[in-house]
Protein backbone atom coordinates (compact mmCIF):
# COMPACT_ATOMS: atom_id res chain seq x y z
CA UNK A 1 0.00 0.00 0.00
CA UNK A 2 1.35 3.44 -0.90
CA UNK A 3 1.32 6.38 1.50
CA UNK A 4 -1.39 8.10 -0.52
CA UNK A 5 -3.56 4.96 -0.55
CA UNK A 6 -3.05 4.54 3.20
CA UNK A 7 -4.05 8.10 4.11
CA UNK A 8 -7.10 7.97 1.84
CA UNK A 9 -8.21 4.73 3.47
CA UNK A 10 -7.49 6.05 6.97
CA UNK A 11 -9.76 9.05 6.30
CA UNK A 12 -12.67 6.60 5.89
CA UNK A 13 -12.31 5.23 9.45
CA UNK A 14 -14.21 8.07 11.12
CA UNK A 15 -14.67 7.38 14.87
CA UNK A 16 -13.10 3.93 14.51
CA UNK A 17 -10.83 2.08 16.89
CA UNK A 18 -8.33 0.20 14.74
CA UNK A 19 -7.04 -3.28 15.57
CA UNK A 20 -3.26 -3.78 15.80
CA UNK A 21 -3.41 -5.28 12.29
CA UNK A 22 -5.23 -2.19 10.98
CA UNK A 23 -2.73 0.12 12.64
CA UNK A 24 0.13 -1.86 11.07
CA UNK A 25 -1.42 -1.83 7.58
CA UNK A 26 -2.17 1.90 7.56
CA UNK A 27 0.84 3.04 9.57
CA UNK A 28 3.57 0.94 7.94
CA UNK A 29 3.90 3.12 4.81
CA UNK A 30 4.82 5.98 7.17
CA UNK A 31 6.90 3.96 9.62
CA UNK A 32 4.34 4.51 12.38
CA UNK A 33 3.13 1.81 14.74
CA UNK A 34 1.66 2.65 18.12
CA UNK A 35 -0.75 0.56 20.18
CA UNK A 36 -2.67 1.35 23.36
CA UNK A 37 -4.95 -0.68 25.59
CA UNK A 38 -8.38 0.95 25.48
CA UNK A 39 -11.29 0.35 27.81
CA UNK A 40 -14.90 0.26 26.65
CA UNK A 41 -16.44 3.22 28.48
CA UNK A 42 -19.62 3.63 26.49
CA UNK A 43 -21.60 5.11 29.40
CA UNK A 44 -19.27 8.13 29.58
CA UNK A 45 -19.90 11.21 27.46
CA UNK A 46 -18.36 10.49 24.04
CA UNK A 47 -17.07 7.18 25.41
CA UNK A 48 -15.58 4.36 23.38
CA UNK A 49 -17.74 1.44 22.34
CA UNK A 50 -15.84 -1.67 21.30
CA UNK A 51 -17.57 -4.12 18.98
CA UNK A 52 -18.57 -7.44 20.56
CA UNK A 53 -17.62 -6.18 24.02
CA UNK A 54 -19.29 -4.99 27.17
CA UNK A 55 -18.47 -1.94 29.25
CA UNK A 56 -15.15 -2.34 31.03
CA UNK A 57 -13.66 -4.78 28.49
CA UNK A 58 -10.33 -3.80 26.97
CA UNK A 59 -8.80 -4.11 23.52
CA UNK A 60 -5.42 -3.39 21.95
CA UNK A 61 -5.35 -0.96 19.06
CA UNK A 62 -5.50 2.76 18.33
CA UNK A 63 -8.20 5.30 17.48
CA UNK A 64 -7.97 6.29 13.81
CA UNK A 65 -7.57 9.98 14.62
CA UNK A 66 -4.66 9.20 16.96
CA UNK A 67 -2.90 7.31 14.17
CA UNK A 68 -3.41 10.30 11.85
CA UNK A 69 -1.93 12.66 14.48
CA UNK A 70 1.03 10.29 14.96
CA UNK A 71 1.69 10.29 11.21
CA UNK A 72 1.58 14.10 11.07
CA UNK A 73 3.97 14.36 14.00
CA UNK A 74 6.39 11.80 12.53
CA UNK A 75 6.46 13.64 9.20
CA UNK A 76 6.64 17.10 10.80
CA UNK A 77 3.36 18.17 9.21
CA UNK A 78 1.39 20.97 10.83
CA UNK A 79 -2.26 20.07 11.20
CA UNK A 80 -5.36 21.88 12.47
CA UNK A 81 -6.46 21.10 16.03
CA UNK A 82 -10.11 20.09 16.47
CA UNK A 83 -12.11 18.95 19.49
CA UNK A 84 -14.18 16.40 17.58
CA UNK A 85 -12.37 13.18 16.70
CA UNK A 86 -14.00 12.92 13.27
CA UNK A 87 -12.97 16.48 12.44
CA UNK A 88 -9.48 15.80 13.79
CA UNK A 89 -9.12 12.70 11.62
CA UNK A 90 -10.21 14.54 8.48
CA UNK A 91 -8.02 17.57 9.25
CA UNK A 92 -4.92 15.44 9.75
CA UNK A 93 -5.59 13.29 6.69
CA UNK A 94 -6.09 16.39 4.53
CA UNK A 95 -2.78 17.82 5.80
CA UNK A 96 -0.97 14.52 5.13
CA UNK A 97 -2.45 14.20 1.65
CA UNK A 98 -1.56 17.81 0.76
CA UNK A 99 2.01 17.18 1.98
CA UNK A 100 2.30 14.01 -0.09
CA UNK A 101 0.89 15.59 -3.25
CA UNK A 102 3.13 18.65 -2.87
CA UNK A 103 6.19 16.41 -2.63
CA UNK A 104 5.46 14.16 -5.61
PDB file of N, CA and C in Angstrom:
ATOM      1  N   UNK A   1       0.844  -1.169   0.000  1.00  0.00           N
ATOM      2  CA  UNK A   1       0.000   0.000   0.000  1.00  0.00           C
ATOM      3  C   UNK A   1       0.895   1.240   0.000  1.00  0.00           C
ATOM      4  N   UNK A   2       0.586   2.199  -0.862  1.00  0.00           N
ATOM      5  CA  UNK A   2       1.353   3.437  -0.900  1.00  0.00           C
ATOM      6  C   UNK A   2       0.905   4.365   0.232  1.00  0.00           C
ATOM      7  N   UNK A   3       1.686   5.400   0.477  1.00  0.00           N
ATOM      8  CA  UNK A   3       1.320   6.376   1.504  1.00  0.00           C
ATOM      9  C   UNK A   3       0.007   7.055   1.157  1.00  0.00           C
ATOM     10  N   UNK A   4      -0.169   7.424  -0.099  1.00  0.00           N
ATOM     11  CA  UNK A   4      -1.394   8.095  -0.519  1.00  0.00           C
ATOM     12  C   UNK A   4      -2.605   7.178  -0.355  1.00  0.00           C
ATOM     13  N   UNK A   5      -2.461   5.925  -0.733  1.00  0.00           N
ATOM     14  CA  UNK A   5      -3.558   4.957  -0.546  1.00  0.00           C
ATOM     15  C   UNK A   5      -3.879   4.798   0.937  1.00  0.00           C
ATOM     16  N   UNK A   6      -2.849   4.731   1.766  1.00  0.00           N
ATOM     17  CA  UNK A   6      -3.050   4.539   3.203  1.00  0.00           C
ATOM     18  C   UNK A   6      -3.792   5.710   3.823  1.00  0.00           C
ATOM     19  N   UNK A   7      -3.392   6.932   3.499  1.00  0.00           N
ATOM     20  CA  UNK A   7      -4.053   8.096   4.110  1.00  0.00           C
ATOM     21  C   UNK A   7      -5.484   8.228   3.603  1.00  0.00           C
ATOM     22  N   UNK A   8      -5.729   7.901   2.370  1.00  0.00           N
ATOM     23  CA  UNK A   8      -7.102   7.968   1.839  1.00  0.00           C
ATOM     24  C   UNK A   8      -7.989   6.912   2.493  1.00  0.00           C
ATOM     25  N   UNK A   9      -7.434   5.750   2.771  1.00  0.00           N
ATOM     26  CA  UNK A   9      -8.213   4.728   3.474  1.00  0.00           C
ATOM     27  C   UNK A   9      -8.423   5.126   4.935  1.00  0.00           C
ATOM     28  N   UNK A  10      -7.381   5.639   5.570  1.00  0.00           N
ATOM     29  CA  UNK A  10      -7.488   6.052   6.970  1.00  0.00           C
ATOM     30  C   UNK A  10      -8.597   7.084   7.151  1.00  0.00           C
ATOM     31  N   UNK A  11      -8.729   8.012   6.219  1.00  0.00           N
ATOM     32  CA  UNK A  11      -9.758   9.046   6.301  1.00  0.00           C
ATOM     33  C   UNK A  11     -11.165   8.439   6.411  1.00  0.00           C
ATOM     34  N   UNK A  12     -11.351   7.254   5.877  1.00  0.00           N
ATOM     35  CA  UNK A  12     -12.670   6.603   5.886  1.00  0.00           C
ATOM     36  C   UNK A  12     -13.027   5.985   7.241  1.00  0.00           C
ATOM     37  N   UNK A  13     -12.081   5.898   8.173  1.00  0.00           N
ATOM     38  CA  UNK A  13     -12.311   5.233   9.453  1.00  0.00           C
ATOM     39  C   UNK A  13     -12.719   6.214  10.545  1.00  0.00           C
ATOM     40  N   UNK A  14     -13.685   7.055  10.214  1.00  0.00           N
ATOM     41  CA  UNK A  14     -14.213   8.072  11.120  1.00  0.00           C
ATOM     42  C   UNK A  14     -14.737   7.434  12.400  1.00  0.00           C
ATOM     43  N   UNK A  15     -14.254   7.867  13.549  1.00  0.00           N
ATOM     44  CA  UNK A  15     -14.674   7.384  14.868  1.00  0.00           C
ATOM     45  C   UNK A  15     -14.378   5.896  15.092  1.00  0.00           C
ATOM     46  N   UNK A  16     -13.420   5.351  14.374  1.00  0.00           N
ATOM     47  CA  UNK A  16     -13.100   3.928  14.513  1.00  0.00           C
ATOM     48  C   UNK A  16     -11.913   3.713  15.442  1.00  0.00           C
ATOM     49  N   UNK A  17     -11.955   2.571  16.104  1.00  0.00           N
ATOM     50  CA  UNK A  17     -10.831   2.077  16.891  1.00  0.00           C
ATOM     51  C   UNK A  17     -10.217   0.949  16.078  1.00  0.00           C
ATOM     52  N   UNK A  18      -8.986   1.149  15.622  1.00  0.00           N
ATOM     53  CA  UNK A  18      -8.328   0.199  14.739  1.00  0.00           C
ATOM     54  C   UNK A  18      -7.665  -0.929  15.515  1.00  0.00           C
ATOM     55  N   UNK A  19      -7.744  -2.129  14.992  1.00  0.00           N
ATOM     56  CA  UNK A  19      -7.042  -3.277  15.566  1.00  0.00           C
ATOM     57  C   UNK A  19      -5.541  -3.091  15.340  1.00  0.00           C
ATOM     58  N   UNK A  20      -4.704  -3.847  16.062  1.00  0.00           N
ATOM     59  CA  UNK A  20      -3.264  -3.778  15.798  1.00  0.00           C
ATOM     60  C   UNK A  20      -2.922  -4.046  14.327  1.00  0.00           C
ATOM     61  N   UNK A  21      -3.642  -4.968  13.709  1.00  0.00           N
ATOM     62  CA  UNK A  21      -3.407  -5.276  12.285  1.00  0.00           C
ATOM     63  C   UNK A  21      -3.750  -4.065  11.412  1.00  0.00           C
ATOM     64  N   UNK A  22      -4.848  -3.383  11.732  1.00  0.00           N
ATOM     65  CA  UNK A  22      -5.228  -2.191  10.979  1.00  0.00           C
ATOM     66  C   UNK A  22      -4.226  -1.063  11.147  1.00  0.00           C
ATOM     67  N   UNK A  23      -3.748  -0.896  12.376  1.00  0.00           N
ATOM     68  CA  UNK A  23      -2.726   0.125  12.642  1.00  0.00           C
ATOM     69  C   UNK A  23      -1.471  -0.195  11.830  1.00  0.00           C
ATOM     70  N   UNK A  24      -1.073  -1.454  11.813  1.00  0.00           N
ATOM     71  CA  UNK A  24       0.129  -1.861  11.073  1.00  0.00           C
ATOM     72  C   UNK A  24      -0.056  -1.589   9.578  1.00  0.00           C
ATOM     73  N   UNK A  25      -1.186  -1.994   9.027  1.00  0.00           N
ATOM     74  CA  UNK A  25      -1.419  -1.834   7.585  1.00  0.00           C
ATOM     75  C   UNK A  25      -1.400  -0.361   7.168  1.00  0.00           C
ATOM     76  N   UNK A  26      -2.069   0.495   7.939  1.00  0.00           N
ATOM     77  CA  UNK A  26      -2.169   1.902   7.564  1.00  0.00           C
ATOM     78  C   UNK A  26      -0.969   2.730   8.014  1.00  0.00           C
ATOM     79  N   UNK A  27      -0.298   2.292   9.064  1.00  0.00           N
ATOM     80  CA  UNK A  27       0.842   3.043   9.573  1.00  0.00           C
ATOM     81  C   UNK A  27       2.170   2.659   8.953  1.00  0.00           C
ATOM     82  N   UNK A  28       2.296   1.417   8.493  1.00  0.00           N
ATOM     83  CA  UNK A  28       3.574   0.940   7.940  1.00  0.00           C
ATOM     84  C   UNK A  28       4.135   1.812   6.821  1.00  0.00           C
ATOM     85  N   UNK A  29       3.320   2.284   5.868  1.00  0.00           N
ATOM     86  CA  UNK A  29       3.904   3.116   4.814  1.00  0.00           C
ATOM     87  C   UNK A  29       4.600   4.368   5.356  1.00  0.00           C
ATOM     88  N   UNK A  30       4.234   4.791   6.555  1.00  0.00           N
ATOM     89  CA  UNK A  30       4.817   5.982   7.166  1.00  0.00           C
ATOM     90  C   UNK A  30       5.824   5.650   8.272  1.00  0.00           C
ATOM     91  N   UNK A  31       6.005   4.366   8.544  1.00  0.00           N
ATOM     92  CA  UNK A  31       6.903   3.959   9.616  1.00  0.00           C
ATOM     93  C   UNK A  31       6.335   4.257  10.993  1.00  0.00           C
ATOM     94  N   UNK A  32       5.006   4.204  11.120  1.00  0.00           N
ATOM     95  CA  UNK A  32       4.340   4.514  12.385  1.00  0.00           C
ATOM     96  C   UNK A  32       3.598   3.279  12.872  1.00  0.00           C
ATOM     97  N   UNK A  33       3.873   2.890  14.102  1.00  0.00           N
ATOM     98  CA  UNK A  33       3.128   1.810  14.741  1.00  0.00           C
ATOM     99  C   UNK A  33       3.062   2.121  16.226  1.00  0.00           C
ATOM    100  N   UNK A  34       1.881   2.322  16.710  1.00  0.00           N
ATOM    101  CA  UNK A  34       1.662   2.650  18.116  1.00  0.00           C
ATOM    102  C   UNK A  34       0.369   1.982  18.561  1.00  0.00           C
ATOM    103  N   UNK A  35       0.407   1.282  19.666  1.00  0.00           N
ATOM    104  CA  UNK A  35      -0.754   0.558  20.179  1.00  0.00           C
ATOM    105  C   UNK A  35      -1.002   0.992  21.626  1.00  0.00           C
ATOM    106  N   UNK A  36      -2.275   1.094  21.979  1.00  0.00           N
ATOM    107  CA  UNK A  36      -2.668   1.350  23.363  1.00  0.00           C
ATOM    108  C   UNK A  36      -3.653   0.274  23.788  1.00  0.00           C
ATOM    109  N   UNK A  37      -3.884   0.178  25.068  1.00  0.00           N
ATOM    110  CA  UNK A  37      -4.946  -0.678  25.588  1.00  0.00           C
ATOM    111  C   UNK A  37      -6.092   0.266  25.941  1.00  0.00           C
ATOM    112  N   UNK A  38      -7.219   0.084  25.268  1.00  0.00           N
ATOM    113  CA  UNK A  38      -8.376   0.952  25.476  1.00  0.00           C
ATOM    114  C   UNK A  38      -9.460   0.195  26.232  1.00  0.00           C
ATOM    115  N   UNK A  39     -10.190   0.925  27.027  1.00  0.00           N
ATOM    116  CA  UNK A  39     -11.286   0.349  27.807  1.00  0.00           C
ATOM    117  C   UNK A  39     -12.617   0.824  27.245  1.00  0.00           C
ATOM    118  N   UNK A  40     -13.546  -0.088  27.060  1.00  0.00           N
ATOM    119  CA  UNK A  40     -14.902   0.262  26.648  1.00  0.00           C
ATOM    120  C   UNK A  40     -15.529   1.081  27.778  1.00  0.00           C
ATOM    121  N   UNK A  41     -15.828   2.335  27.485  1.00  0.00           N
ATOM    122  CA  UNK A  41     -16.440   3.219  28.479  1.00  0.00           C
ATOM    123  C   UNK A  41     -17.654   3.913  27.879  1.00  0.00           C
ATOM    124  N   UNK A  42     -18.482   3.135  27.241  1.00  0.00           N
ATOM    125  CA  UNK A  42     -19.620   3.628  26.486  1.00  0.00           C
ATOM    126  C   UNK A  42     -20.594   4.472  27.297  1.00  0.00           C
ATOM    127  N   UNK A  43     -20.640   4.328  28.612  1.00  0.00           N
ATOM    128  CA  UNK A  43     -21.596   5.106  29.404  1.00  0.00           C
ATOM    129  C   UNK A  43     -21.092   6.528  29.674  1.00  0.00           C
ATOM    130  N   UNK A  44     -19.819   6.796  29.399  1.00  0.00           N
ATOM    131  CA  UNK A  44     -19.275   8.133  29.581  1.00  0.00           C
ATOM    132  C   UNK A  44     -19.597   8.988  28.360  1.00  0.00           C
ATOM    133  N   UNK A  45     -19.658  10.293  28.557  1.00  0.00           N
ATOM    134  CA  UNK A  45     -19.904  11.214  27.455  1.00  0.00           C
ATOM    135  C   UNK A  45     -18.839  11.020  26.396  1.00  0.00           C
ATOM    136  N   UNK A  46     -19.259  10.755  25.177  1.00  0.00           N
ATOM    137  CA  UNK A  46     -18.362  10.489  24.044  1.00  0.00           C
ATOM    138  C   UNK A  46     -17.424   9.324  24.318  1.00  0.00           C
ATOM    139  N   UNK A  47     -17.893   8.341  25.068  1.00  0.00           N
ATOM    140  CA  UNK A  47     -17.071   7.183  25.407  1.00  0.00           C
ATOM    141  C   UNK A  47     -16.845   6.259  24.226  1.00  0.00           C
ATOM    142  N   UNK A  48     -15.942   5.332  24.403  1.00  0.00           N
ATOM    143  CA  UNK A  48     -15.577   4.363  23.383  1.00  0.00           C
ATOM    144  C   UNK A  48     -16.445   3.121  23.510  1.00  0.00           C
ATOM    145  N   UNK A  49     -16.999   2.686  22.396  1.00  0.00           N
ATOM    146  CA  UNK A  49     -17.744   1.440  22.345  1.00  0.00           C
ATOM    147  C   UNK A  49     -16.969   0.462  21.473  1.00  0.00           C
ATOM    148  N   UNK A  50     -16.552  -0.636  22.043  1.00  0.00           N
ATOM    149  CA  UNK A  50     -15.837  -1.669  21.302  1.00  0.00           C
ATOM    150  C   UNK A  50     -16.834  -2.696  20.797  1.00  0.00           C
ATOM    151  N   UNK A  51     -16.681  -3.110  19.553  1.00  0.00           N
ATOM    152  CA  UNK A  51     -17.570  -4.125  18.982  1.00  0.00           C
ATOM    153  C   UNK A  51     -17.437  -5.442  19.745  1.00  0.00           C
ATOM    154  N   UNK A  52     -18.532  -6.128  19.910  1.00  0.00           N
ATOM    155  CA  UNK A  52     -18.574  -7.441  20.558  1.00  0.00           C
ATOM    156  C   UNK A  52     -17.928  -7.406  21.947  1.00  0.00           C
ATOM    157  N   UNK A  53     -18.176  -6.318  22.674  1.00  0.00           N
ATOM    158  CA  UNK A  53     -17.618  -6.181  24.021  1.00  0.00           C
ATOM    159  C   UNK A  53     -18.687  -5.588  24.932  1.00  0.00           C
ATOM    160  N   UNK A  54     -18.409  -5.646  26.213  1.00  0.00           N
ATOM    161  CA  UNK A  54     -19.290  -4.991  27.172  1.00  0.00           C
ATOM    162  C   UNK A  54     -18.473  -3.928  27.903  1.00  0.00           C
ATOM    163  N   UNK A  55     -19.162  -3.026  28.561  1.00  0.00           N
ATOM    164  CA  UNK A  55     -18.473  -1.942  29.252  1.00  0.00           C
ATOM    165  C   UNK A  55     -17.430  -2.505  30.213  1.00  0.00           C
ATOM    166  N   UNK A  56     -16.246  -1.910  30.182  1.00  0.00           N
ATOM    167  CA  UNK A  56     -15.148  -2.341  31.034  1.00  0.00           C
ATOM    168  C   UNK A  56     -14.158  -3.256  30.339  1.00  0.00           C
ATOM    169  N   UNK A  57     -14.587  -3.925  29.249  1.00  0.00           N
ATOM    170  CA  UNK A  57     -13.661  -4.775  28.491  1.00  0.00           C
ATOM    171  C   UNK A  57     -12.567  -3.911  27.874  1.00  0.00           C
ATOM    172  N   UNK A  58     -11.440  -4.522  27.589  1.00  0.00           N
ATOM    173  CA  UNK A  58     -10.334  -3.798  26.966  1.00  0.00           C
ATOM    174  C   UNK A  58      -9.971  -4.424  25.620  1.00  0.00           C
ATOM    175  N   UNK A  59      -9.281  -3.630  24.814  1.00  0.00           N
ATOM    176  CA  UNK A  59      -8.796  -4.108  23.521  1.00  0.00           C
ATOM    177  C   UNK A  59      -7.527  -3.345  23.165  1.00  0.00           C
ATOM    178  N   UNK A  60      -6.626  -4.023  22.466  1.00  0.00           N
ATOM    179  CA  UNK A  60      -5.422  -3.385  21.954  1.00  0.00           C
ATOM    180  C   UNK A  60      -5.743  -2.768  20.600  1.00  0.00           C
ATOM    181  N   UNK A  61      -5.156  -1.622  20.336  1.00  0.00           N
ATOM    182  CA  UNK A  61      -5.352  -0.957  19.055  1.00  0.00           C
ATOM    183  C   UNK A  61      -5.084   0.526  19.185  1.00  0.00           C
ATOM    184  N   UNK A  62      -5.715   1.320  18.318  1.00  0.00           N
ATOM    185  CA  UNK A  62      -5.502   2.759  18.326  1.00  0.00           C
ATOM    186  C   UNK A  62      -6.670   3.447  17.625  1.00  0.00           C
ATOM    187  N   UNK A  63      -7.177   4.535  18.195  1.00  0.00           N
ATOM    188  CA  UNK A  63      -8.198   5.302  17.480  1.00  0.00           C
ATOM    189  C   UNK A  63      -7.616   5.841  16.164  1.00  0.00           C
ATOM    190  N   UNK A  64      -8.426   5.852  15.134  1.00  0.00           N
ATOM    191  CA  UNK A  64      -7.972   6.295  13.815  1.00  0.00           C
ATOM    192  C   UNK A  64      -7.412   7.712  13.855  1.00  0.00           C
ATOM    193  N   UNK A  65      -8.068   8.600  14.588  1.00  0.00           N
ATOM    194  CA  UNK A  65      -7.573   9.984  14.621  1.00  0.00           C
ATOM    195  C   UNK A  65      -6.211  10.081  15.315  1.00  0.00           C
ATOM    196  N   UNK A  66      -5.947   9.205  16.273  1.00  0.00           N
ATOM    197  CA  UNK A  66      -4.655   9.205  16.957  1.00  0.00           C
ATOM    198  C   UNK A  66      -3.556   8.725  16.015  1.00  0.00           C
ATOM    199  N   UNK A  67      -3.871   7.749  15.173  1.00  0.00           N
ATOM    200  CA  UNK A  67      -2.896   7.309  14.166  1.00  0.00           C
ATOM    201  C   UNK A  67      -2.594   8.454  13.206  1.00  0.00           C
ATOM    202  N   UNK A  68      -3.613   9.177  12.774  1.00  0.00           N
ATOM    203  CA  UNK A  68      -3.408  10.304  11.853  1.00  0.00           C
ATOM    204  C   UNK A  68      -2.526  11.379  12.494  1.00  0.00           C
ATOM    205  N   UNK A  69      -2.770  11.683  13.764  1.00  0.00           N
ATOM    206  CA  UNK A  69      -1.934  12.657  14.484  1.00  0.00           C
ATOM    207  C   UNK A  69      -0.492  12.154  14.555  1.00  0.00           C
ATOM    208  N   UNK A  70      -0.310  10.875  14.861  1.00  0.00           N
ATOM    209  CA  UNK A  70       1.033  10.295  14.961  1.00  0.00           C
ATOM    210  C   UNK A  70       1.781  10.392  13.635  1.00  0.00           C
ATOM    211  N   UNK A  71       1.067  10.186  12.528  1.00  0.00           N
ATOM    212  CA  UNK A  71       1.690  10.293  11.206  1.00  0.00           C
ATOM    213  C   UNK A  71       2.118  11.738  10.949  1.00  0.00           C
ATOM    214  N   UNK A  72       1.221  12.685  11.251  1.00  0.00           N
ATOM    215  CA  UNK A  72       1.575  14.103  11.072  1.00  0.00           C
ATOM    216  C   UNK A  72       2.818  14.458  11.881  1.00  0.00           C
ATOM    217  N   UNK A  73       2.833  14.032  13.133  1.00  0.00           N
ATOM    218  CA  UNK A  73       3.967  14.361  13.998  1.00  0.00           C
ATOM    219  C   UNK A  73       5.258  13.724  13.503  1.00  0.00           C
ATOM    220  N   UNK A  74       5.191  12.480  13.044  1.00  0.00           N
ATOM    221  CA  UNK A  74       6.392  11.799  12.530  1.00  0.00           C
ATOM    222  C   UNK A  74       6.948  12.508  11.307  1.00  0.00           C
ATOM    223  N   UNK A  75       6.032  12.995  10.435  1.00  0.00           N
ATOM    224  CA  UNK A  75       6.464  13.644   9.203  1.00  0.00           C
ATOM    225  C   UNK A  75       6.717  15.142   9.377  1.00  0.00           C
ATOM    226  N   UNK A  76       6.450  15.671  10.564  1.00  0.00           N
ATOM    227  CA  UNK A  76       6.644  17.101  10.805  1.00  0.00           C
ATOM    228  C   UNK A  76       5.624  17.974  10.089  1.00  0.00           C
ATOM    229  N   UNK A  77       4.422  17.450   9.909  1.00  0.00           N
ATOM    230  CA  UNK A  77       3.362  18.172   9.207  1.00  0.00           C
ATOM    231  C   UNK A  77       2.505  18.916  10.219  1.00  0.00           C
ATOM    232  N   UNK A  78       2.321  20.208   9.986  1.00  0.00           N
ATOM    233  CA  UNK A  78       1.395  20.965  10.830  1.00  0.00           C
ATOM    234  C   UNK A  78      -0.019  20.577  10.447  1.00  0.00           C
ATOM    235  N   UNK A  79      -0.879  20.468  11.447  1.00  0.00           N
ATOM    236  CA  UNK A  79      -2.262  20.070  11.197  1.00  0.00           C
ATOM    237  C   UNK A  79      -3.181  20.898  12.086  1.00  0.00           C
ATOM    238  N   UNK A  80      -4.422  21.117  11.642  1.00  0.00           N
ATOM    239  CA  UNK A  80      -5.358  21.881  12.465  1.00  0.00           C
ATOM    240  C   UNK A  80      -5.764  21.075  13.695  1.00  0.00           C
ATOM    241  N   UNK A  81      -6.029  21.760  14.786  1.00  0.00           N
ATOM    242  CA  UNK A  81      -6.458  21.099  16.027  1.00  0.00           C
ATOM    243  C   UNK A  81      -7.979  21.242  16.152  1.00  0.00           C
ATOM    244  N   UNK A  82      -8.656  20.115  16.315  1.00  0.00           N
ATOM    245  CA  UNK A  82     -10.106  20.090  16.470  1.00  0.00           C
ATOM    246  C   UNK A  82     -10.467  19.347  17.746  1.00  0.00           C
ATOM    247  N   UNK A  83     -11.625  19.674  18.317  1.00  0.00           N
ATOM    248  CA  UNK A  83     -12.110  18.951  19.490  1.00  0.00           C
ATOM    249  C   UNK A  83     -12.769  17.635  19.096  1.00  0.00           C
ATOM    250  N   UNK A  84     -13.503  17.616  18.014  1.00  0.00           N
ATOM    251  CA  UNK A  84     -14.182  16.400  17.580  1.00  0.00           C
ATOM    252  C   UNK A  84     -13.211  15.440  16.921  1.00  0.00           C
ATOM    253  N   UNK A  85     -13.337  14.142  17.245  1.00  0.00           N
ATOM    254  CA  UNK A  85     -12.374  13.185  16.698  1.00  0.00           C
ATOM    255  C   UNK A  85     -12.558  12.956  15.201  1.00  0.00           C
ATOM    256  N   UNK A  86     -13.783  13.055  14.711  1.00  0.00           N
ATOM    257  CA  UNK A  86     -13.998  12.925  13.268  1.00  0.00           C
ATOM    258  C   UNK A  86     -13.377  14.086  12.519  1.00  0.00           C
ATOM    259  N   UNK A  87     -13.580  15.295  13.047  1.00  0.00           N
ATOM    260  CA  UNK A  87     -12.972  16.484  12.438  1.00  0.00           C
ATOM    261  C   UNK A  87     -11.457  16.410  12.510  1.00  0.00           C
ATOM    262  N   UNK A  88     -10.936  15.910  13.631  1.00  0.00           N
ATOM    263  CA  UNK A  88      -9.482  15.796  13.785  1.00  0.00           C
ATOM    264  C   UNK A  88      -8.909  14.813  12.773  1.00  0.00           C
ATOM    265  N   UNK A  89      -9.572  13.686  12.595  1.00  0.00           N
ATOM    266  CA  UNK A  89      -9.116  12.697  11.616  1.00  0.00           C
ATOM    267  C   UNK A  89      -9.070  13.308  10.222  1.00  0.00           C
ATOM    268  N   UNK A  90     -10.162  13.948   9.822  1.00  0.00           N
ATOM    269  CA  UNK A  90     -10.211  14.539   8.483  1.00  0.00           C
ATOM    270  C   UNK A  90      -9.161  15.643   8.318  1.00  0.00           C
ATOM    271  N   UNK A  91      -9.002  16.493   9.333  1.00  0.00           N
ATOM    272  CA  UNK A  91      -8.016  17.566   9.254  1.00  0.00           C
ATOM    273  C   UNK A  91      -6.605  17.038   9.092  1.00  0.00           C
ATOM    274  N   UNK A  92      -6.264  16.029   9.861  1.00  0.00           N
ATOM    275  CA  UNK A  92      -4.922  15.435   9.752  1.00  0.00           C
ATOM    276  C   UNK A  92      -4.731  14.762   8.399  1.00  0.00           C
ATOM    277  N   UNK A  93      -5.717  14.001   7.970  1.00  0.00           N
ATOM    278  CA  UNK A  93      -5.590  13.291   6.689  1.00  0.00           C
ATOM    279  C   UNK A  93      -5.465  14.268   5.526  1.00  0.00           C
ATOM    280  N   UNK A  94      -6.207  15.374   5.577  1.00  0.00           N
ATOM    281  CA  UNK A  94      -6.086  16.391   4.530  1.00  0.00           C
ATOM    282  C   UNK A  94      -4.684  17.000   4.526  1.00  0.00           C
ATOM    283  N   UNK A  95      -4.134  17.259   5.706  1.00  0.00           N
ATOM    284  CA  UNK A  95      -2.784  17.820   5.797  1.00  0.00           C
ATOM    285  C   UNK A  95      -1.743  16.830   5.267  1.00  0.00           C
ATOM    286  N   UNK A  96      -1.901  15.551   5.607  1.00  0.00           N
ATOM    287  CA  UNK A  96      -0.969  14.522   5.128  1.00  0.00           C
ATOM    288  C   UNK A  96      -1.051  14.406   3.609  1.00  0.00           C
ATOM    289  N   UNK A  97      -2.278  14.338   3.089  1.00  0.00           N
ATOM    290  CA  UNK A  97      -2.449  14.196   1.647  1.00  0.00           C
ATOM    291  C   UNK A  97      -1.861  15.397   0.909  1.00  0.00           C
ATOM    292  N   UNK A  98      -2.117  16.607   1.397  1.00  0.00           N
ATOM    293  CA  UNK A  98      -1.563  17.809   0.761  1.00  0.00           C
ATOM    294  C   UNK A  98      -0.031  17.756   0.764  1.00  0.00           C
ATOM    295  N   UNK A  99       0.548  17.317   1.871  1.00  0.00           N
ATOM    296  CA  UNK A  99       2.010  17.185   1.980  1.00  0.00           C
ATOM    297  C   UNK A  99       2.538  16.178   0.962  1.00  0.00           C
ATOM    298  N   UNK A 100       1.855  15.038   0.849  1.00  0.00           N
ATOM    299  CA  UNK A 100       2.303  14.008  -0.090  1.00  0.00           C
ATOM    300  C   UNK A 100       2.192  14.478  -1.527  1.00  0.00           C
ATOM    301  N   UNK A 101       1.087  15.135  -1.871  1.00  0.00           N
ATOM    302  CA  UNK A 101       0.890  15.587  -3.246  1.00  0.00           C
ATOM    303  C   UNK A 101       1.861  16.715  -3.602  1.00  0.00           C
ATOM    304  N   UNK A 102       2.185  17.554  -2.630  1.00  0.00           N
ATOM    305  CA  UNK A 102       3.129  18.650  -2.866  1.00  0.00           C
ATOM    306  C   UNK A 102       4.535  18.113  -3.118  1.00  0.00           C
ATOM    307  N   UNK A 103       4.834  16.983  -2.532  1.00  0.00           N
ATOM    308  CA  UNK A 103       6.185  16.414  -2.625  1.00  0.00           C
ATOM    309  C   UNK A 103       6.304  15.280  -3.637  1.00  0.00           C
ATOM    310  N   UNK A 104       5.377  15.196  -4.576  1.00  0.00           N
ATOM    311  CA  UNK A 104       5.465  14.162  -5.610  1.00  0.00           C
ATOM    312  C   UNK A 104       6.582  14.456  -6.587  1.00  0.00           C
TER     313      UNK A 104
END
